[in-house]
Structures are given as structure tokens and as C-alpha cells.
Amino acid sequence: MASAVGPSPETRQLQFEQGVAIALHLWLSLTVAVQNNLGGPASEDKRDWFAGAIVDMFPSFVDLAKPQKPSQKIPQDPEVEDVEATLLQVMWDEFETNVDDESEIEVAERIMKARAMCAAGDFAFVEDLRRRWLDTKGKTVKVQEVDGGDQETDWESDDDDETEDEDAEMDEAPALVVAPKERPPPEVDEDGFTKVTRKKR
């Protein structure tokens, strides 16, 4: 194994992980969502978690390099459509953002290209992404026009907006559903029964 030509599996995996993270940082829809805290106060941490979730869709180069048993099925990379679907789902679940400009297609293609090139031991594409990211790093994205007209006010007009500030602590770890910390007073129906709501553990 030591005589294998090219970068080590660990190096390929690290480069791929960086490629995914940078691809997400370059995604305008996600950048706007993070800058506007649409994922809560921990939006930047959620973006890092997001990158890890995408990386986990792919088998690790390190694991693939290990000897496989004859009966063991070799893990396969996901289809690009699966990556696109996951990008959209996480944007909706975690950032309450409905991406309707099909930009997830370009992001997914960048991720798949980074994967293929890292698998071949070629990191030029990841380096290109890194240069592009460094050129835009620290710049605030200003969106002048938003399709549908209501995306830019989504973070102000959600039904739960009055409780979003109060549940800041709950946004530290990514959750599929962000539940308001404080609930309205218990509802009592006309028979005098109090409606039961599920409490967080």
C-alpha cells in the first residue's frame, strides 16, 4: 500500500471535504440565508454541519482504501440528483429557504466534480474553488431582487417570528424542526378541557 502512486486516501478525503465546504460557502442562496440568520443565531455553525452532512453521503476514501471482504458490497457514491434533493431539503428544514432558482444544480455538480477529481488524486478544481472563495471572503452579499418577492421578508413574516429570538439556544445544534421555546397559554375548549401540547425533553 505504501508504494501506491498519488496522494494518500486521507489527503483525498480532506481535499474533498474542503471542496464540499467551499462549494457551500460559494452558494449565494445559502450565503444570504446565513447572513440574515434564517437558520437562527447559529446559522454559520449550521452551514458547517450542512457540509458534513453532504460529505457523509459519500463513502470515505479512507474506508474505500481498506481491504474489502469478497462478500462485502463496495459503497457507491450518491447520484447527483440525490445531492440536489438533499441540498434543497436542508435549505428548507434548517434555513426556511425555498430555493427556486435551480442554483442547487450547480452546487451539486461542483461537489460531484470535486469528488471525481479528488478520487483521481487531482486537487486543481478544489484549489480553483478555494481561490474563488478567498476572493469573495468577508464580502456581504446584497440581494436587490428576489424571485417571488417574498423571500427577502420570509425571515420577518414567519408565523413563529415572535418566538425565534427566544429560542436562540435551541439553534446551536442542527435540528430538523425548530420548535418555539415559549408556547402561547393553554387552550381550553368549550367543554373545559385543556389542550395538551408536547413538551421538549
N, C-alpha and C. Protein backbone atom coordinates (compact mmCIF):
# COMPACT_ATOMS: atom_id res chain seq x y z
N MET A 1 0.82 -1.20 0.00
CA MET A 1 0.00 0.00 0.00
C MET A 1 0.86 1.26 0.00
N ALA A 2 2.01 1.21 0.70
CA ALA A 2 2.86 2.39 0.83
C ALA A 2 3.40 2.82 -0.51
N SER A 3 3.49 1.87 -1.47
CA SER A 3 4.06 2.19 -2.77
C SER A 3 3.02 2.70 -3.75
N ALA A 4 1.79 2.85 -3.30
CA ALA A 4 0.73 3.32 -4.19
C ALA A 4 1.07 4.72 -4.70
N VAL A 5 0.81 4.92 -5.99
CA VAL A 5 1.11 6.21 -6.61
C VAL A 5 0.00 7.20 -6.29
N GLY A 6 0.39 8.45 -6.07
CA GLY A 6 -0.60 9.50 -5.85
C GLY A 6 -0.83 9.80 -4.39
N PRO A 7 -1.68 10.81 -4.13
CA PRO A 7 -1.95 11.24 -2.76
C PRO A 7 -2.60 10.13 -1.94
N SER A 8 -2.40 10.19 -0.65
CA SER A 8 -2.97 9.19 0.25
C SER A 8 -4.50 9.34 0.31
N PRO A 9 -5.20 8.27 0.72
CA PRO A 9 -6.66 8.37 0.88
C PRO A 9 -7.06 9.48 1.85
N GLU A 10 -6.23 9.66 2.90
CA GLU A 10 -6.53 10.71 3.89
C GLU A 10 -6.49 12.09 3.25
N THR A 11 -5.49 12.31 2.39
CA THR A 11 -5.35 13.60 1.71
C THR A 11 -6.51 13.81 0.75
N ARG A 12 -6.87 12.76 0.02
CA ARG A 12 -8.01 12.88 -0.92
C ARG A 12 -9.29 13.20 -0.17
N GLN A 13 -9.49 12.55 0.97
CA GLN A 13 -10.70 12.78 1.76
C GLN A 13 -10.73 14.21 2.29
N LEU A 14 -9.60 14.68 2.79
CA LEU A 14 -9.53 16.04 3.32
C LEU A 14 -9.81 17.08 2.23
N GLN A 15 -9.23 16.86 1.07
CA GLN A 15 -9.45 17.80 -0.05
C GLN A 15 -10.92 17.79 -0.48
N PHE A 16 -11.51 16.60 -0.50
CA PHE A 16 -12.93 16.51 -0.88
C PHE A 16 -13.80 17.24 0.12
N GLU A 17 -13.52 17.03 1.41
CA GLU A 17 -14.30 17.70 2.45
C GLU A 17 -14.19 19.22 2.33
N GLN A 18 -12.98 19.70 2.03
CA GLN A 18 -12.80 21.13 1.85
C GLN A 18 -13.54 21.62 0.61
N GLY A 19 -13.52 20.80 -0.44
CA GLY A 19 -14.25 21.17 -1.67
C GLY A 19 -15.73 21.32 -1.43
N VAL A 20 -16.32 20.41 -0.64
CA VAL A 20 -17.74 20.50 -0.32
C VAL A 20 -18.03 21.76 0.49
N ALA A 21 -17.21 22.00 1.52
CA ALA A 21 -17.41 23.17 2.37
C ALA A 21 -17.33 24.46 1.55
N ILE A 22 -16.34 24.54 0.65
CA ILE A 22 -16.18 25.75 -0.15
C ILE A 22 -17.33 25.90 -1.14
N ALA A 23 -17.78 24.78 -1.73
CA ALA A 23 -18.91 24.84 -2.66
C ALA A 23 -20.15 25.42 -1.97
N LEU A 24 -20.36 25.05 -0.70
CA LEU A 24 -21.50 25.59 0.04
C LEU A 24 -21.28 27.07 0.38
N HIS A 25 -20.04 27.44 0.71
CA HIS A 25 -19.75 28.84 1.00
C HIS A 25 -19.95 29.73 -0.23
N LEU A 26 -19.77 29.15 -1.41
CA LEU A 26 -19.94 29.91 -2.64
C LEU A 26 -21.39 29.96 -3.12
N TRP A 27 -22.27 29.22 -2.46
CA TRP A 27 -23.68 29.16 -2.86
C TRP A 27 -24.38 30.42 -2.36
N LEU A 28 -24.81 31.25 -3.29
CA LEU A 28 -25.40 32.55 -2.94
C LEU A 28 -26.64 32.40 -2.06
N SER A 29 -27.51 31.44 -2.37
CA SER A 29 -28.74 31.26 -1.59
C SER A 29 -28.43 30.95 -0.13
N LEU A 30 -27.42 30.10 0.09
CA LEU A 30 -27.03 29.73 1.46
C LEU A 30 -26.34 30.91 2.15
N THR A 31 -25.51 31.63 1.42
CA THR A 31 -24.81 32.78 2.00
C THR A 31 -25.80 33.83 2.49
N VAL A 32 -26.81 34.11 1.68
CA VAL A 32 -27.85 35.09 2.06
C VAL A 32 -28.60 34.59 3.30
N ALA A 33 -28.91 33.29 3.31
CA ALA A 33 -29.63 32.72 4.46
C ALA A 33 -28.81 32.83 5.74
N VAL A 34 -27.50 32.58 5.64
CA VAL A 34 -26.63 32.66 6.81
C VAL A 34 -26.49 34.11 7.28
N GLN A 35 -26.27 35.02 6.34
CA GLN A 35 -26.08 36.42 6.70
C GLN A 35 -27.33 37.03 7.35
N ASN A 36 -28.50 36.51 6.96
CA ASN A 36 -29.75 37.01 7.53
C ASN A 36 -30.22 36.17 8.72
N ASN A 37 -29.36 35.23 9.16
CA ASN A 37 -29.68 34.37 10.30
C ASN A 37 -31.01 33.62 10.13
N LEU A 38 -31.28 33.19 8.91
CA LEU A 38 -32.53 32.45 8.67
C LEU A 38 -32.51 31.08 9.35
N GLY A 39 -31.32 30.62 9.70
CA GLY A 39 -31.21 29.36 10.44
C GLY A 39 -31.04 29.61 11.93
N GLY A 40 -31.33 30.83 12.37
CA GLY A 40 -31.16 31.17 13.78
C GLY A 40 -29.78 31.75 14.03
N PRO A 41 -29.48 32.08 15.27
CA PRO A 41 -28.19 32.69 15.62
C PRO A 41 -26.99 31.82 15.28
N ALA A 42 -27.18 30.51 15.20
CA ALA A 42 -26.07 29.59 14.90
C ALA A 42 -26.05 29.21 13.43
N SER A 43 -26.48 30.11 12.55
CA SER A 43 -26.56 29.80 11.12
C SER A 43 -25.21 29.38 10.53
N GLU A 44 -24.13 30.03 10.96
CA GLU A 44 -22.81 29.68 10.42
C GLU A 44 -22.42 28.27 10.84
N ASP A 45 -22.73 27.90 12.08
CA ASP A 45 -22.45 26.54 12.53
C ASP A 45 -23.29 25.53 11.75
N LYS A 46 -24.51 25.93 11.43
CA LYS A 46 -25.38 25.03 10.65
C LYS A 46 -24.81 24.80 9.27
N ARG A 47 -24.20 25.85 8.70
CA ARG A 47 -23.60 25.68 7.38
C ARG A 47 -22.46 24.67 7.44
N ASP A 48 -21.66 24.73 8.52
CA ASP A 48 -20.57 23.75 8.69
C ASP A 48 -21.14 22.34 8.86
N TRP A 49 -22.23 22.25 9.64
CA TRP A 49 -22.89 20.94 9.80
C TRP A 49 -23.43 20.45 8.46
N PHE A 50 -23.98 21.38 7.68
CA PHE A 50 -24.52 21.09 6.35
C PHE A 50 -23.45 20.43 5.48
N ALA A 51 -22.24 21.02 5.49
CA ALA A 51 -21.14 20.45 4.69
C ALA A 51 -20.82 19.04 5.14
N GLY A 52 -20.82 18.82 6.46
CA GLY A 52 -20.55 17.48 6.97
C GLY A 52 -21.61 16.48 6.56
N ALA A 53 -22.86 16.95 6.53
CA ALA A 53 -23.97 16.06 6.13
C ALA A 53 -23.84 15.65 4.66
N ILE A 54 -23.38 16.58 3.82
CA ILE A 54 -23.19 16.24 2.40
C ILE A 54 -22.02 15.28 2.24
N VAL A 55 -20.93 15.55 2.95
CA VAL A 55 -19.75 14.66 2.88
C VAL A 55 -20.13 13.24 3.29
N ASP A 56 -20.98 13.14 4.32
CA ASP A 56 -21.38 11.82 4.83
C ASP A 56 -22.22 11.02 3.84
N MET A 57 -22.73 11.67 2.79
CA MET A 57 -23.47 10.95 1.75
C MET A 57 -22.54 10.07 0.92
N PHE A 58 -21.25 10.41 0.94
CA PHE A 58 -20.25 9.71 0.12
C PHE A 58 -19.40 8.78 1.00
N PRO A 59 -19.07 7.60 0.50
CA PRO A 59 -18.15 6.74 1.26
C PRO A 59 -16.79 7.41 1.38
N SER A 60 -16.16 7.27 2.51
CA SER A 60 -14.85 7.89 2.75
C SER A 60 -13.78 7.22 1.90
N PHE A 61 -12.88 8.03 1.34
CA PHE A 61 -11.76 7.47 0.58
C PHE A 61 -10.91 6.58 1.47
N VAL A 62 -10.84 6.93 2.76
CA VAL A 62 -10.05 6.13 3.70
C VAL A 62 -10.66 4.74 3.85
N ASP A 63 -12.00 4.70 3.99
CA ASP A 63 -12.68 3.40 4.12
C ASP A 63 -12.58 2.59 2.83
N LEU A 64 -12.67 3.28 1.69
CA LEU A 64 -12.60 2.58 0.41
C LEU A 64 -11.22 1.96 0.18
N ALA A 65 -10.20 2.54 0.81
CA ALA A 65 -8.84 2.04 0.62
C ALA A 65 -8.56 0.80 1.46
N LYS A 66 -9.41 0.54 2.44
CA LYS A 66 -9.22 -0.63 3.29
C LYS A 66 -9.57 -1.91 2.53
N PRO A 67 -8.92 -3.02 2.87
CA PRO A 67 -9.22 -4.29 2.20
C PRO A 67 -10.70 -4.66 2.39
N GLN A 68 -11.32 -5.07 1.31
CA GLN A 68 -12.73 -5.43 1.36
C GLN A 68 -12.88 -6.94 1.34
N LYS A 69 -13.83 -7.43 2.10
CA LYS A 69 -14.13 -8.87 2.05
C LYS A 69 -14.82 -9.17 0.71
N PRO A 70 -14.59 -10.38 0.19
CA PRO A 70 -15.20 -10.72 -1.11
C PRO A 70 -16.72 -10.55 -1.11
N SER A 71 -17.33 -10.86 0.05
CA SER A 71 -18.80 -10.77 0.11
C SER A 71 -19.29 -9.35 0.38
N GLN A 72 -18.35 -8.45 0.68
CA GLN A 72 -18.74 -7.10 1.05
C GLN A 72 -19.01 -6.26 -0.18
N LYS A 73 -20.14 -5.57 -0.15
CA LYS A 73 -20.50 -4.72 -1.28
C LYS A 73 -19.77 -3.39 -1.16
N ILE A 74 -19.16 -2.96 -2.26
CA ILE A 74 -18.42 -1.69 -2.23
C ILE A 74 -19.41 -0.53 -2.23
N PRO A 75 -19.30 0.38 -1.26
CA PRO A 75 -20.22 1.51 -1.19
C PRO A 75 -20.10 2.38 -2.44
N GLN A 76 -21.22 2.88 -2.89
CA GLN A 76 -21.25 3.70 -4.10
C GLN A 76 -21.53 5.16 -3.76
N ASP A 77 -21.04 6.05 -4.60
CA ASP A 77 -21.35 7.47 -4.44
C ASP A 77 -22.83 7.70 -4.75
N PRO A 78 -23.45 8.70 -4.13
CA PRO A 78 -24.85 9.01 -4.44
C PRO A 78 -24.96 9.60 -5.85
N GLU A 79 -26.15 9.55 -6.40
CA GLU A 79 -26.41 10.19 -7.69
C GLU A 79 -26.47 11.71 -7.47
N VAL A 80 -26.17 12.46 -8.52
CA VAL A 80 -26.19 13.92 -8.42
C VAL A 80 -27.58 14.42 -8.03
N GLU A 81 -28.62 13.70 -8.48
CA GLU A 81 -29.99 14.11 -8.13
C GLU A 81 -30.24 13.99 -6.62
N ASP A 82 -29.62 12.97 -6.00
CA ASP A 82 -29.77 12.80 -4.55
C ASP A 82 -29.10 13.96 -3.80
N VAL A 83 -27.96 14.38 -4.31
CA VAL A 83 -27.26 15.51 -3.68
C VAL A 83 -28.10 16.77 -3.82
N GLU A 84 -28.65 16.99 -5.02
CA GLU A 84 -29.51 18.16 -5.25
C GLU A 84 -30.70 18.16 -4.28
N ALA A 85 -31.34 17.00 -4.14
CA ALA A 85 -32.51 16.89 -3.27
C ALA A 85 -32.15 17.18 -1.82
N THR A 86 -30.98 16.69 -1.39
CA THR A 86 -30.54 16.93 -0.01
C THR A 86 -30.24 18.41 0.21
N LEU A 87 -29.61 19.05 -0.76
CA LEU A 87 -29.32 20.48 -0.67
C LEU A 87 -30.62 21.27 -0.46
N LEU A 88 -31.62 20.95 -1.27
CA LEU A 88 -32.91 21.66 -1.16
C LEU A 88 -33.60 21.38 0.17
N GLN A 89 -33.56 20.11 0.59
CA GLN A 89 -34.25 19.72 1.82
C GLN A 89 -33.64 20.41 3.04
N VAL A 90 -32.31 20.43 3.11
CA VAL A 90 -31.66 21.06 4.26
C VAL A 90 -31.90 22.57 4.25
N MET A 91 -31.88 23.17 3.07
CA MET A 91 -32.15 24.62 2.99
C MET A 91 -33.54 24.93 3.54
N TRP A 92 -34.49 24.06 3.25
CA TRP A 92 -35.85 24.28 3.73
C TRP A 92 -35.98 23.96 5.22
N ASP A 93 -35.45 22.80 5.63
CA ASP A 93 -35.60 22.36 7.02
C ASP A 93 -34.82 23.24 7.99
N GLU A 94 -33.61 23.62 7.62
CA GLU A 94 -32.73 24.31 8.55
C GLU A 94 -32.70 25.83 8.39
N PHE A 95 -32.95 26.30 7.17
CA PHE A 95 -32.86 27.75 6.92
C PHE A 95 -34.18 28.36 6.45
N GLU A 96 -35.23 27.54 6.41
CA GLU A 96 -36.56 28.00 5.99
C GLU A 96 -36.48 28.78 4.68
N THR A 97 -35.65 28.28 3.77
CA THR A 97 -35.44 28.94 2.49
C THR A 97 -35.84 28.00 1.36
N ASN A 98 -36.73 28.48 0.52
CA ASN A 98 -37.17 27.71 -0.64
C ASN A 98 -36.36 28.15 -1.84
N VAL A 99 -35.41 27.32 -2.27
CA VAL A 99 -34.54 27.66 -3.39
C VAL A 99 -35.28 27.33 -4.69
N ASP A 100 -35.64 28.37 -5.44
CA ASP A 100 -36.40 28.10 -6.67
C ASP A 100 -35.67 28.59 -7.92
N ASP A 101 -34.37 28.90 -7.78
CA ASP A 101 -33.61 29.36 -8.95
C ASP A 101 -32.75 28.26 -9.56
N GLU A 102 -32.92 27.03 -9.06
CA GLU A 102 -32.19 25.86 -9.55
C GLU A 102 -30.67 25.97 -9.34
N SER A 103 -30.25 26.86 -8.43
CA SER A 103 -28.81 27.00 -8.16
C SER A 103 -28.23 25.77 -7.49
N GLU A 104 -29.11 24.94 -6.89
CA GLU A 104 -28.61 23.72 -6.25
C GLU A 104 -27.99 22.76 -7.27
N ILE A 105 -28.41 22.88 -8.53
CA ILE A 105 -27.86 22.01 -9.59
C ILE A 105 -26.37 22.29 -9.76
N GLU A 106 -26.01 23.58 -9.83
CA GLU A 106 -24.60 23.95 -9.99
C GLU A 106 -23.78 23.52 -8.77
N VAL A 107 -24.36 23.72 -7.58
CA VAL A 107 -23.64 23.33 -6.35
C VAL A 107 -23.40 21.82 -6.34
N ALA A 108 -24.43 21.05 -6.66
CA ALA A 108 -24.29 19.59 -6.68
C ALA A 108 -23.26 19.15 -7.72
N GLU A 109 -23.25 19.81 -8.87
CA GLU A 109 -22.29 19.46 -9.92
C GLU A 109 -20.86 19.77 -9.48
N ARG A 110 -20.69 20.89 -8.75
CA ARG A 110 -19.36 21.22 -8.23
C ARG A 110 -18.89 20.15 -7.25
N ILE A 111 -19.82 19.71 -6.40
CA ILE A 111 -19.48 18.69 -5.41
C ILE A 111 -19.11 17.37 -6.09
N MET A 112 -19.87 16.99 -7.10
CA MET A 112 -19.59 15.74 -7.81
C MET A 112 -18.26 15.82 -8.57
N LYS A 113 -17.98 17.00 -9.13
CA LYS A 113 -16.72 17.18 -9.85
C LYS A 113 -15.55 17.12 -8.88
N ALA A 114 -15.71 17.77 -7.72
CA ALA A 114 -14.66 17.72 -6.70
C ALA A 114 -14.41 16.28 -6.28
N ARG A 115 -15.49 15.52 -6.13
CA ARG A 115 -15.38 14.12 -5.73
C ARG A 115 -14.58 13.32 -6.77
N ALA A 116 -14.97 13.47 -8.04
CA ALA A 116 -14.33 12.71 -9.11
C ALA A 116 -12.85 13.06 -9.22
N MET A 117 -12.53 14.35 -9.12
CA MET A 117 -11.14 14.77 -9.28
C MET A 117 -10.29 14.37 -8.06
N CYS A 118 -10.87 14.46 -6.87
CA CYS A 118 -10.14 14.03 -5.67
C CYS A 118 -9.89 12.53 -5.72
N ALA A 119 -10.86 11.78 -6.25
CA ALA A 119 -10.69 10.33 -6.38
C ALA A 119 -9.51 10.01 -7.29
N ALA A 120 -9.28 10.89 -8.28
CA ALA A 120 -8.17 10.69 -9.22
C ALA A 120 -6.87 11.30 -8.69
N GLY A 121 -6.93 11.89 -7.49
CA GLY A 121 -5.73 12.50 -6.92
C GLY A 121 -5.42 13.86 -7.49
N ASP A 122 -6.40 14.48 -8.16
CA ASP A 122 -6.22 15.80 -8.77
C ASP A 122 -7.01 16.83 -7.96
N PHE A 123 -6.29 17.79 -7.36
CA PHE A 123 -6.94 18.76 -6.49
C PHE A 123 -7.04 20.16 -7.12
N ALA A 124 -6.82 20.24 -8.43
CA ALA A 124 -6.83 21.54 -9.11
C ALA A 124 -8.20 22.21 -9.00
N PHE A 125 -9.26 21.44 -9.12
CA PHE A 125 -10.60 22.02 -9.07
C PHE A 125 -10.91 22.56 -7.68
N VAL A 126 -10.50 21.82 -6.65
CA VAL A 126 -10.71 22.29 -5.27
C VAL A 126 -9.92 23.57 -5.04
N GLU A 127 -8.71 23.63 -5.58
CA GLU A 127 -7.89 24.84 -5.43
C GLU A 127 -8.55 26.02 -6.15
N ASP A 128 -9.16 25.75 -7.30
CA ASP A 128 -9.86 26.80 -8.04
C ASP A 128 -11.05 27.32 -7.22
N LEU A 129 -11.80 26.41 -6.62
CA LEU A 129 -12.91 26.81 -5.76
C LEU A 129 -12.39 27.64 -4.58
N ARG A 130 -11.26 27.20 -4.01
CA ARG A 130 -10.69 27.91 -2.86
C ARG A 130 -10.31 29.34 -3.23
N ARG A 131 -9.71 29.52 -4.41
CA ARG A 131 -9.34 30.87 -4.86
C ARG A 131 -10.58 31.74 -5.02
N ARG A 132 -11.62 31.15 -5.62
CA ARG A 132 -12.87 31.92 -5.80
C ARG A 132 -13.45 32.33 -4.46
N TRP A 133 -13.41 31.41 -3.49
CA TRP A 133 -13.96 31.70 -2.17
C TRP A 133 -13.16 32.80 -1.48
N LEU A 134 -11.83 32.72 -1.57
CA LEU A 134 -10.98 33.73 -0.94
C LEU A 134 -11.22 35.11 -1.54
N ASP A 135 -11.55 35.15 -2.83
CA ASP A 135 -11.85 36.43 -3.49
C ASP A 135 -13.12 37.07 -2.95
N THR A 136 -14.06 36.23 -2.49
CA THR A 136 -15.34 36.76 -2.00
C THR A 136 -15.43 36.77 -0.49
N LYS A 137 -14.41 36.21 0.19
CA LYS A 137 -14.47 36.06 1.64
C LYS A 137 -14.64 37.42 2.33
N GLY A 138 -15.58 37.45 3.26
CA GLY A 138 -15.79 38.66 4.05
C GLY A 138 -16.70 39.68 3.41
N LYS A 139 -17.05 39.45 2.14
CA LYS A 139 -17.94 40.40 1.48
C LYS A 139 -19.39 40.10 1.83
N THR A 140 -20.16 41.14 2.09
CA THR A 140 -21.57 40.96 2.38
C THR A 140 -22.35 40.92 1.08
N VAL A 141 -23.19 39.91 0.95
CA VAL A 141 -23.99 39.78 -0.26
C VAL A 141 -25.24 40.64 -0.13
N LYS A 142 -25.47 41.47 -1.13
CA LYS A 142 -26.68 42.29 -1.12
C LYS A 142 -27.58 41.81 -2.23
N VAL A 143 -28.75 41.37 -1.89
CA VAL A 143 -29.70 40.88 -2.87
C VAL A 143 -30.67 41.99 -3.20
N GLN A 144 -30.68 42.41 -4.46
CA GLN A 144 -31.56 43.50 -4.85
C GLN A 144 -32.92 42.98 -5.30
N GLU A 145 -32.89 41.84 -5.94
CA GLU A 145 -34.13 41.31 -6.47
C GLU A 145 -34.26 39.85 -6.07
N VAL A 146 -35.40 39.47 -5.57
CA VAL A 146 -35.61 38.08 -5.16
C VAL A 146 -36.84 37.57 -5.89
N ASP A 147 -36.69 36.43 -6.55
CA ASP A 147 -37.84 35.84 -7.25
C ASP A 147 -38.97 35.56 -6.29
N GLY A 148 -40.15 35.90 -6.71
CA GLY A 148 -41.33 35.64 -5.87
C GLY A 148 -41.64 36.81 -4.96
N GLY A 149 -40.64 37.66 -4.70
CA GLY A 149 -40.89 38.87 -3.95
C GLY A 149 -41.05 38.69 -2.46
N ASP A 150 -41.19 37.45 -1.96
CA ASP A 150 -41.43 37.31 -0.53
C ASP A 150 -40.27 36.63 0.19
N GLN A 151 -39.23 36.20 -0.58
CA GLN A 151 -38.11 35.54 0.09
C GLN A 151 -37.39 36.48 1.02
N GLU A 152 -37.21 37.77 0.59
CA GLU A 152 -36.43 38.66 1.42
C GLU A 152 -37.14 39.04 2.70
N THR A 153 -38.44 38.77 2.78
CA THR A 153 -39.15 39.09 4.02
C THR A 153 -39.58 37.84 4.77
N ASP A 154 -39.18 36.66 4.26
CA ASP A 154 -39.56 35.42 4.94
C ASP A 154 -39.12 35.42 6.40
N TRP A 155 -37.91 35.93 6.64
CA TRP A 155 -37.37 35.88 8.00
C TRP A 155 -38.05 36.87 8.91
N GLU A 156 -38.85 37.78 8.33
CA GLU A 156 -39.57 38.74 9.17
C GLU A 156 -41.03 38.35 9.35
N SER A 157 -41.57 37.60 8.38
CA SER A 157 -43.01 37.41 8.38
C SER A 157 -43.47 36.01 8.75
N ASP A 158 -42.54 35.12 9.15
CA ASP A 158 -42.97 33.78 9.55
C ASP A 158 -43.91 33.85 10.75
N ASP A 159 -44.79 32.87 10.85
CA ASP A 159 -45.74 32.84 11.96
C ASP A 159 -45.04 32.77 13.31
N ASP A 160 -43.84 32.14 13.32
CA ASP A 160 -43.15 31.94 14.59
C ASP A 160 -42.12 33.01 14.87
N ASP A 161 -42.15 34.14 14.11
CA ASP A 161 -41.06 35.09 14.25
C ASP A 161 -40.99 35.72 15.63
N GLU A 162 -42.13 35.82 16.31
CA GLU A 162 -42.08 36.45 17.63
C GLU A 162 -41.36 35.57 18.65
N THR A 163 -41.18 34.29 18.32
CA THR A 163 -40.51 33.41 19.29
C THR A 163 -39.12 33.02 18.84
N GLU A 164 -38.70 33.43 17.62
CA GLU A 164 -37.42 33.00 17.10
C GLU A 164 -36.26 33.49 17.95
N ASP A 165 -36.36 34.75 18.44
CA ASP A 165 -35.27 35.27 19.25
C ASP A 165 -35.16 34.53 20.57
N GLU A 166 -36.30 34.07 21.08
CA GLU A 166 -36.31 33.43 22.39
C GLU A 166 -35.76 32.02 22.36
N ASP A 167 -35.72 31.40 21.16
CA ASP A 167 -35.23 30.02 21.14
C ASP A 167 -33.82 29.95 20.57
N ALA A 168 -33.02 30.99 20.82
CA ALA A 168 -31.67 31.05 20.27
C ALA A 168 -30.84 29.84 20.69
N GLU A 169 -30.96 29.45 21.96
CA GLU A 169 -30.14 28.33 22.43
C GLU A 169 -30.46 27.04 21.69
N MET A 170 -31.68 26.89 21.26
CA MET A 170 -32.09 25.64 20.62
C MET A 170 -31.49 25.50 19.24
N ASP A 171 -30.98 26.61 18.65
CA ASP A 171 -30.46 26.55 17.30
C ASP A 171 -28.98 26.17 17.26
N GLU A 172 -28.37 25.94 18.44
CA GLU A 172 -26.96 25.63 18.44
C GLU A 172 -26.67 24.32 17.73
N ALA A 173 -27.51 23.31 17.91
CA ALA A 173 -27.33 22.04 17.23
C ALA A 173 -28.38 21.95 16.14
N PRO A 174 -27.99 21.50 14.94
CA PRO A 174 -28.97 21.42 13.86
C PRO A 174 -30.12 20.49 14.23
N ALA A 175 -31.32 20.95 13.99
CA ALA A 175 -32.50 20.13 14.26
C ALA A 175 -33.40 20.19 13.04
N LEU A 176 -34.11 19.11 12.79
CA LEU A 176 -34.99 19.09 11.63
C LEU A 176 -36.15 20.05 11.82
N VAL A 177 -36.61 20.18 13.05
CA VAL A 177 -37.72 21.08 13.32
C VAL A 177 -37.32 22.01 14.45
N VAL A 178 -37.40 23.31 14.20
CA VAL A 178 -37.09 24.28 15.25
C VAL A 178 -38.39 24.64 15.94
N ALA A 179 -38.51 24.23 17.21
CA ALA A 179 -39.74 24.47 17.94
C ALA A 179 -39.59 25.71 18.81
N PRO A 180 -40.59 26.58 18.85
CA PRO A 180 -40.50 27.75 19.72
C PRO A 180 -40.36 27.33 21.16
N LYS A 181 -39.55 28.08 21.92
CA LYS A 181 -39.31 27.72 23.32
C LYS A 181 -40.53 28.03 24.16
N GLU A 182 -41.14 29.19 23.89
CA GLU A 182 -42.31 29.58 24.68
C GLU A 182 -43.56 29.36 23.86
N ARG A 183 -44.53 28.73 24.44
CA ARG A 183 -45.79 28.46 23.77
C ARG A 183 -46.85 29.43 24.27
N PRO A 184 -47.89 29.69 23.49
CA PRO A 184 -48.98 30.53 23.97
C PRO A 184 -49.69 29.84 25.14
N PRO A 185 -50.48 30.58 25.91
CA PRO A 185 -51.19 29.98 27.05
C PRO A 185 -52.01 28.79 26.60
N PRO A 186 -52.25 27.81 27.50
CA PRO A 186 -53.00 26.61 27.13
C PRO A 186 -54.39 26.98 26.62
N GLU A 187 -54.81 26.25 25.59
CA GLU A 187 -56.14 26.49 25.05
C GLU A 187 -57.15 25.61 25.78
N VAL A 188 -58.26 26.20 26.16
CA VAL A 188 -59.32 25.46 26.84
C VAL A 188 -60.52 25.45 25.91
N ASP A 189 -61.02 24.21 25.60
CA ASP A 189 -62.17 24.15 24.68
C ASP A 189 -63.46 24.42 25.45
N GLU A 190 -64.56 24.40 24.71
CA GLU A 190 -65.84 24.78 25.32
C GLU A 190 -66.31 23.81 26.40
N ASP A 191 -65.75 22.59 26.41
CA ASP A 191 -66.11 21.64 27.47
C ASP A 191 -65.22 21.79 28.70
N GLY A 192 -64.30 22.72 28.67
CA GLY A 192 -63.45 22.94 29.83
C GLY A 192 -62.18 22.11 29.84
N PHE A 193 -61.89 21.38 28.70
CA PHE A 193 -60.70 20.56 28.64
C PHE A 193 -59.53 21.39 28.13
N THR A 194 -58.37 21.18 28.75
CA THR A 194 -57.17 21.91 28.30
C THR A 194 -56.47 21.09 27.23
N LYS A 195 -56.15 21.76 26.12
CA LYS A 195 -55.47 21.08 25.01
C LYS A 195 -54.04 20.78 25.44
N VAL A 196 -53.62 19.52 25.24
CA VAL A 196 -52.29 19.10 25.66
C VAL A 196 -51.31 19.29 24.50
N THR A 197 -50.17 19.91 24.78
CA THR A 197 -49.13 20.05 23.77
C THR A 197 -47.89 19.33 24.24
N ARG A 198 -47.16 18.80 23.28
CA ARG A 198 -45.96 18.02 23.62
C ARG A 198 -44.87 18.96 24.10
N LYS A 199 -44.20 18.58 25.18
CA LYS A 199 -43.13 19.41 25.72
C LYS A 199 -41.80 18.84 25.28
N LYS A 200 -40.81 19.75 25.13
CA LYS A 200 -39.45 19.30 24.81
C LYS A 200 -38.82 18.63 26.02
N ARG A 201 -38.10 17.55 25.76
CA ARG A 201 -37.40 16.88 26.85
C ARG A 201 -36.12 17.60 27.18
